[in-house]
Amino acid sequence: MTTFDDRESAFENKFAHDEEMKFKAEARANKKLAEWAGAILGKSEAEMETYVVEVIKSDFEEAGHEDVLRKVTADLGDKSDADTVRAQRAECLAQAKEELMGEA
């Protein structure tokens, strides 16, 4: 194997690792956002588990996280606005990334 092949393999491995970490951070952020919204909605522990799954599933409707934001904003109704939900998701993502870095 040449040096070029080694570098190419290392780059591919890093890319795969980075994408996996990004996926995990996004999923964790969605869970945190669902827990935040569920608390505002007054969900019980059992209802919260179901709600978290619903929010995570909503992320598969389209690329990006706008589908999650729409769902949570709609679920909260007049209890929160879209800007607050968006800000909370950004905070959840930052927390998720920090947690993942701490686990590494």
N, C-alpha and C. Protein backbone atom coordinates (compact mmCIF):
# COMPACT_ATOMS: atom_id res chain seq x y z
N MET A 1 0.84 -1.17 0.00
CA MET A 1 0.00 0.00 0.00
C MET A 1 0.90 1.24 0.00
N THR A 2 0.54 2.19 -0.79
CA THR A 2 1.35 3.39 -0.89
C THR A 2 0.92 4.40 0.17
N THR A 3 1.72 5.42 0.32
CA THR A 3 1.41 6.49 1.25
C THR A 3 0.10 7.17 0.87
N PHE A 4 -0.10 7.32 -0.43
CA PHE A 4 -1.35 7.94 -0.90
C PHE A 4 -2.55 7.09 -0.49
N ASP A 5 -2.44 5.78 -0.64
CA ASP A 5 -3.53 4.89 -0.25
C ASP A 5 -3.79 4.96 1.25
N ASP A 6 -2.72 5.04 2.03
CA ASP A 6 -2.86 5.17 3.48
C ASP A 6 -3.59 6.46 3.84
N ARG A 7 -3.20 7.55 3.20
CA ARG A 7 -3.84 8.84 3.47
C ARG A 7 -5.31 8.82 3.05
N GLU A 8 -5.59 8.21 1.92
CA GLU A 8 -6.97 8.12 1.44
C GLU A 8 -7.82 7.31 2.42
N SER A 9 -7.29 6.21 2.88
CA SER A 9 -8.00 5.36 3.84
C SER A 9 -8.24 6.11 5.15
N ALA A 10 -7.24 6.83 5.61
CA ALA A 10 -7.38 7.60 6.85
C ALA A 10 -8.44 8.68 6.70
N PHE A 11 -8.46 9.35 5.54
CA PHE A 11 -9.46 10.38 5.28
C PHE A 11 -10.86 9.78 5.27
N GLU A 12 -11.02 8.65 4.61
CA GLU A 12 -12.32 7.99 4.56
C GLU A 12 -12.79 7.56 5.95
N ASN A 13 -11.87 7.04 6.76
CA ASN A 13 -12.21 6.64 8.12
C ASN A 13 -12.63 7.84 8.97
N LYS A 14 -11.91 8.96 8.81
CA LYS A 14 -12.25 10.17 9.55
C LYS A 14 -13.61 10.69 9.13
N PHE A 15 -13.87 10.69 7.84
CA PHE A 15 -15.16 11.15 7.32
C PHE A 15 -16.29 10.29 7.90
N ALA A 16 -16.13 8.99 7.88
CA ALA A 16 -17.15 8.08 8.41
C ALA A 16 -17.38 8.34 9.91
N HIS A 17 -16.30 8.51 10.64
CA HIS A 17 -16.40 8.79 12.07
C HIS A 17 -17.12 10.12 12.32
N ASP A 18 -16.75 11.14 11.58
CA ASP A 18 -17.38 12.46 11.74
C ASP A 18 -18.87 12.41 11.44
N GLU A 19 -19.26 11.68 10.40
CA GLU A 19 -20.67 11.55 10.05
C GLU A 19 -21.44 10.79 11.13
N GLU A 20 -20.81 9.77 11.68
CA GLU A 20 -21.45 9.02 12.76
C GLU A 20 -21.66 9.91 13.98
N MET A 21 -20.66 10.69 14.31
CA MET A 21 -20.77 11.60 15.47
C MET A 21 -21.84 12.66 15.22
N LYS A 22 -21.92 13.15 14.00
CA LYS A 22 -22.93 14.15 13.66
C LYS A 22 -24.33 13.55 13.82
N PHE A 23 -24.52 12.32 13.33
CA PHE A 23 -25.81 11.64 13.45
C PHE A 23 -26.18 11.45 14.92
N LYS A 24 -25.22 11.00 15.72
CA LYS A 24 -25.49 10.79 17.15
C LYS A 24 -25.84 12.10 17.85
N ALA A 25 -25.13 13.16 17.52
CA ALA A 25 -25.40 14.46 18.14
C ALA A 25 -26.79 14.96 17.76
N GLU A 26 -27.16 14.81 16.49
CA GLU A 26 -28.49 15.24 16.03
C GLU A 26 -29.59 14.44 16.74
N ALA A 27 -29.41 13.14 16.84
CA ALA A 27 -30.41 12.29 17.49
C ALA A 27 -30.53 12.64 18.98
N ARG A 28 -29.40 12.86 19.62
CA ARG A 28 -29.41 13.22 21.04
C ARG A 28 -30.06 14.59 21.24
N ALA A 29 -29.79 15.52 20.35
CA ALA A 29 -30.40 16.86 20.44
C ALA A 29 -31.92 16.76 20.27
N ASN A 30 -32.37 15.92 19.35
CA ASN A 30 -33.80 15.74 19.15
C ASN A 30 -34.45 15.15 20.40
N LYS A 31 -33.77 14.22 21.04
CA LYS A 31 -34.30 13.63 22.27
C LYS A 31 -34.40 14.69 23.36
N LYS A 32 -33.37 15.50 23.51
CA LYS A 32 -33.38 16.55 24.52
C LYS A 32 -34.49 17.56 24.23
N LEU A 33 -34.68 17.91 22.98
CA LEU A 33 -35.73 18.85 22.61
C LEU A 33 -37.10 18.25 22.94
N ALA A 34 -37.28 16.98 22.65
CA ALA A 34 -38.55 16.31 22.95
C ALA A 34 -38.80 16.29 24.46
N GLU A 35 -37.77 16.05 25.24
CA GLU A 35 -37.92 16.05 26.69
C GLU A 35 -38.29 17.44 27.20
N TRP A 36 -37.67 18.46 26.63
CA TRP A 36 -37.97 19.85 27.00
C TRP A 36 -39.43 20.16 26.68
N ALA A 37 -39.85 19.84 25.46
CA ALA A 37 -41.23 20.11 25.05
C ALA A 37 -42.22 19.27 25.86
N GLY A 38 -41.88 18.03 26.10
CA GLY A 38 -42.75 17.16 26.88
C GLY A 38 -42.98 17.68 28.28
N ALA A 39 -41.93 18.25 28.87
CA ALA A 39 -42.06 18.84 30.21
C ALA A 39 -43.01 20.03 30.17
N ILE A 40 -42.91 20.86 29.14
CA ILE A 40 -43.81 22.01 29.00
C ILE A 40 -45.25 21.53 28.83
N LEU A 41 -45.42 20.44 28.08
CA LEU A 41 -46.76 19.90 27.84
C LEU A 41 -47.30 19.10 29.01
N GLY A 42 -46.47 18.88 30.03
CA GLY A 42 -46.91 18.16 31.23
C GLY A 42 -47.09 16.67 31.02
N LYS A 43 -46.28 16.09 30.17
CA LYS A 43 -46.38 14.66 29.87
C LYS A 43 -45.88 13.83 31.06
N SER A 44 -46.56 12.70 31.29
CA SER A 44 -46.11 11.75 32.31
C SER A 44 -44.87 11.03 31.80
N GLU A 45 -44.27 10.23 32.66
CA GLU A 45 -43.06 9.50 32.26
C GLU A 45 -43.32 8.58 31.07
N ALA A 46 -44.42 7.86 31.11
CA ALA A 46 -44.76 6.95 30.01
C ALA A 46 -45.08 7.73 28.74
N GLU A 47 -45.83 8.82 28.88
CA GLU A 47 -46.16 9.66 27.73
C GLU A 47 -44.90 10.29 27.15
N MET A 48 -43.96 10.64 28.03
CA MET A 48 -42.71 11.26 27.60
C MET A 48 -41.92 10.31 26.72
N GLU A 49 -41.86 9.04 27.10
CA GLU A 49 -41.12 8.06 26.30
C GLU A 49 -41.72 7.95 24.90
N THR A 50 -43.03 7.91 24.83
CA THR A 50 -43.72 7.83 23.54
C THR A 50 -43.48 9.09 22.73
N TYR A 51 -43.55 10.24 23.39
CA TYR A 51 -43.36 11.51 22.70
C TYR A 51 -41.95 11.64 22.14
N VAL A 52 -40.96 11.22 22.90
CA VAL A 52 -39.57 11.26 22.43
C VAL A 52 -39.43 10.45 21.15
N VAL A 53 -40.02 9.27 21.12
CA VAL A 53 -39.96 8.42 19.92
C VAL A 53 -40.65 9.12 18.75
N GLU A 54 -41.80 9.75 19.00
CA GLU A 54 -42.52 10.46 17.93
C GLU A 54 -41.65 11.58 17.34
N VAL A 55 -40.99 12.33 18.21
CA VAL A 55 -40.16 13.44 17.73
C VAL A 55 -38.97 12.91 16.95
N ILE A 56 -38.33 11.87 17.44
CA ILE A 56 -37.19 11.30 16.74
C ILE A 56 -37.63 10.76 15.37
N LYS A 57 -38.78 10.11 15.31
CA LYS A 57 -39.29 9.59 14.03
C LYS A 57 -39.59 10.73 13.06
N SER A 58 -40.03 11.87 13.59
CA SER A 58 -40.37 12.99 12.70
C SER A 58 -39.14 13.51 11.96
N ASP A 59 -37.96 13.22 12.48
CA ASP A 59 -36.73 13.67 11.83
C ASP A 59 -36.47 12.94 10.52
N PHE A 60 -37.16 11.84 10.28
CA PHE A 60 -36.94 11.06 9.07
C PHE A 60 -37.86 11.46 7.92
N GLU A 61 -38.69 12.47 8.15
CA GLU A 61 -39.61 12.93 7.10
C GLU A 61 -38.88 13.62 5.96
N GLU A 62 -37.85 14.38 6.27
CA GLU A 62 -37.07 15.09 5.26
C GLU A 62 -35.67 15.34 5.80
N ALA A 63 -34.77 15.71 4.92
CA ALA A 63 -33.40 15.99 5.34
C ALA A 63 -33.39 17.25 6.21
N GLY A 64 -32.45 17.29 7.15
CA GLY A 64 -32.35 18.44 8.03
C GLY A 64 -33.24 18.28 9.26
N HIS A 65 -33.28 19.31 10.07
CA HIS A 65 -34.04 19.23 11.31
C HIS A 65 -35.29 20.11 11.33
N GLU A 66 -35.63 20.70 10.19
CA GLU A 66 -36.82 21.55 10.13
C GLU A 66 -38.09 20.76 10.42
N ASP A 67 -38.15 19.49 10.03
CA ASP A 67 -39.32 18.67 10.31
C ASP A 67 -39.54 18.50 11.81
N VAL A 68 -38.45 18.36 12.56
CA VAL A 68 -38.54 18.24 14.01
C VAL A 68 -39.03 19.55 14.61
N LEU A 69 -38.47 20.65 14.15
CA LEU A 69 -38.88 21.96 14.66
C LEU A 69 -40.36 22.22 14.40
N ARG A 70 -40.83 21.86 13.22
CA ARG A 70 -42.25 22.05 12.90
C ARG A 70 -43.14 21.23 13.82
N LYS A 71 -42.75 19.97 14.05
CA LYS A 71 -43.57 19.10 14.90
C LYS A 71 -43.63 19.65 16.31
N VAL A 72 -42.48 19.96 16.88
CA VAL A 72 -42.45 20.42 18.27
C VAL A 72 -43.18 21.75 18.40
N THR A 73 -42.97 22.66 17.46
CA THR A 73 -43.66 23.95 17.49
C THR A 73 -45.17 23.75 17.43
N ALA A 74 -45.63 22.88 16.54
CA ALA A 74 -47.07 22.60 16.41
C ALA A 74 -47.61 21.97 17.70
N ASP A 75 -46.84 21.04 18.27
CA ASP A 75 -47.29 20.36 19.49
C ASP A 75 -47.41 21.34 20.65
N LEU A 76 -46.48 22.29 20.73
CA LEU A 76 -46.51 23.25 21.83
C LEU A 76 -47.60 24.31 21.65
N GLY A 77 -47.99 24.54 20.42
CA GLY A 77 -49.05 25.51 20.16
C GLY A 77 -48.72 26.89 20.72
N ASP A 78 -49.62 27.41 21.56
CA ASP A 78 -49.41 28.75 22.11
C ASP A 78 -48.51 28.76 23.34
N LYS A 79 -47.97 27.62 23.72
CA LYS A 79 -47.07 27.55 24.88
C LYS A 79 -45.65 27.98 24.55
N SER A 80 -45.33 28.05 23.26
CA SER A 80 -44.00 28.48 22.81
C SER A 80 -44.09 28.88 21.35
N ASP A 81 -43.12 29.67 20.91
CA ASP A 81 -43.11 30.07 19.50
C ASP A 81 -41.95 29.39 18.78
N ALA A 82 -41.94 29.51 17.47
CA ALA A 82 -40.95 28.83 16.64
C ALA A 82 -39.53 29.28 16.96
N ASP A 83 -39.34 30.56 17.25
CA ASP A 83 -38.00 31.07 17.57
C ASP A 83 -37.48 30.47 18.86
N THR A 84 -38.34 30.33 19.85
CA THR A 84 -37.93 29.72 21.13
C THR A 84 -37.57 28.26 20.93
N VAL A 85 -38.37 27.56 20.14
CA VAL A 85 -38.09 26.13 19.87
C VAL A 85 -36.77 26.01 19.12
N ARG A 86 -36.55 26.87 18.15
CA ARG A 86 -35.29 26.85 17.38
C ARG A 86 -34.08 27.12 18.29
N ALA A 87 -34.22 28.09 19.18
CA ALA A 87 -33.13 28.41 20.11
C ALA A 87 -32.87 27.25 21.07
N GLN A 88 -33.94 26.62 21.53
CA GLN A 88 -33.79 25.48 22.43
C GLN A 88 -33.12 24.31 21.71
N ARG A 89 -33.45 24.09 20.45
CA ARG A 89 -32.81 23.01 19.69
C ARG A 89 -31.33 23.28 19.51
N ALA A 90 -30.97 24.53 19.27
CA ALA A 90 -29.55 24.88 19.14
C ALA A 90 -28.81 24.61 20.45
N GLU A 91 -29.45 24.94 21.55
CA GLU A 91 -28.85 24.67 22.87
C GLU A 91 -28.73 23.17 23.11
N CYS A 92 -29.76 22.43 22.75
CA CYS A 92 -29.73 20.97 22.90
C CYS A 92 -28.61 20.35 22.06
N LEU A 93 -28.42 20.86 20.85
CA LEU A 93 -27.36 20.35 19.97
C LEU A 93 -25.99 20.63 20.57
N ALA A 94 -25.80 21.82 21.11
CA ALA A 94 -24.52 22.15 21.75
C ALA A 94 -24.26 21.22 22.93
N GLN A 95 -25.28 20.97 23.74
CA GLN A 95 -25.14 20.06 24.88
C GLN A 95 -24.82 18.64 24.42
N ALA A 96 -25.50 18.20 23.37
CA ALA A 96 -25.28 16.86 22.85
C ALA A 96 -23.86 16.68 22.35
N LYS A 97 -23.37 17.67 21.62
CA LYS A 97 -22.00 17.60 21.11
C LYS A 97 -20.99 17.57 22.26
N GLU A 98 -21.24 18.38 23.27
CA GLU A 98 -20.35 18.41 24.45
C GLU A 98 -20.35 17.06 25.15
N GLU A 99 -21.53 16.47 25.31
CA GLU A 99 -21.62 15.17 25.95
C GLU A 99 -20.86 14.11 25.15
N LEU A 100 -21.03 14.12 23.83
CA LEU A 100 -20.34 13.13 22.99
C LEU A 100 -18.84 13.30 23.04
N MET A 101 -18.38 14.54 23.08
CA MET A 101 -16.93 14.78 23.17
C MET A 101 -16.40 14.26 24.51
N GLY A 102 -17.20 14.39 25.56
CA GLY A 102 -16.80 13.90 26.87
C GLY A 102 -16.76 12.38 26.94
N GLU A 103 -17.56 11.73 26.11
CA GLU A 103 -17.59 10.27 26.09
C GLU A 103 -16.45 9.69 25.26
N ALA A 104 -15.91 10.48 24.37
CA ALA A 104 -14.87 9.98 23.45
C ALA A 104 -13.55 9.78 24.14
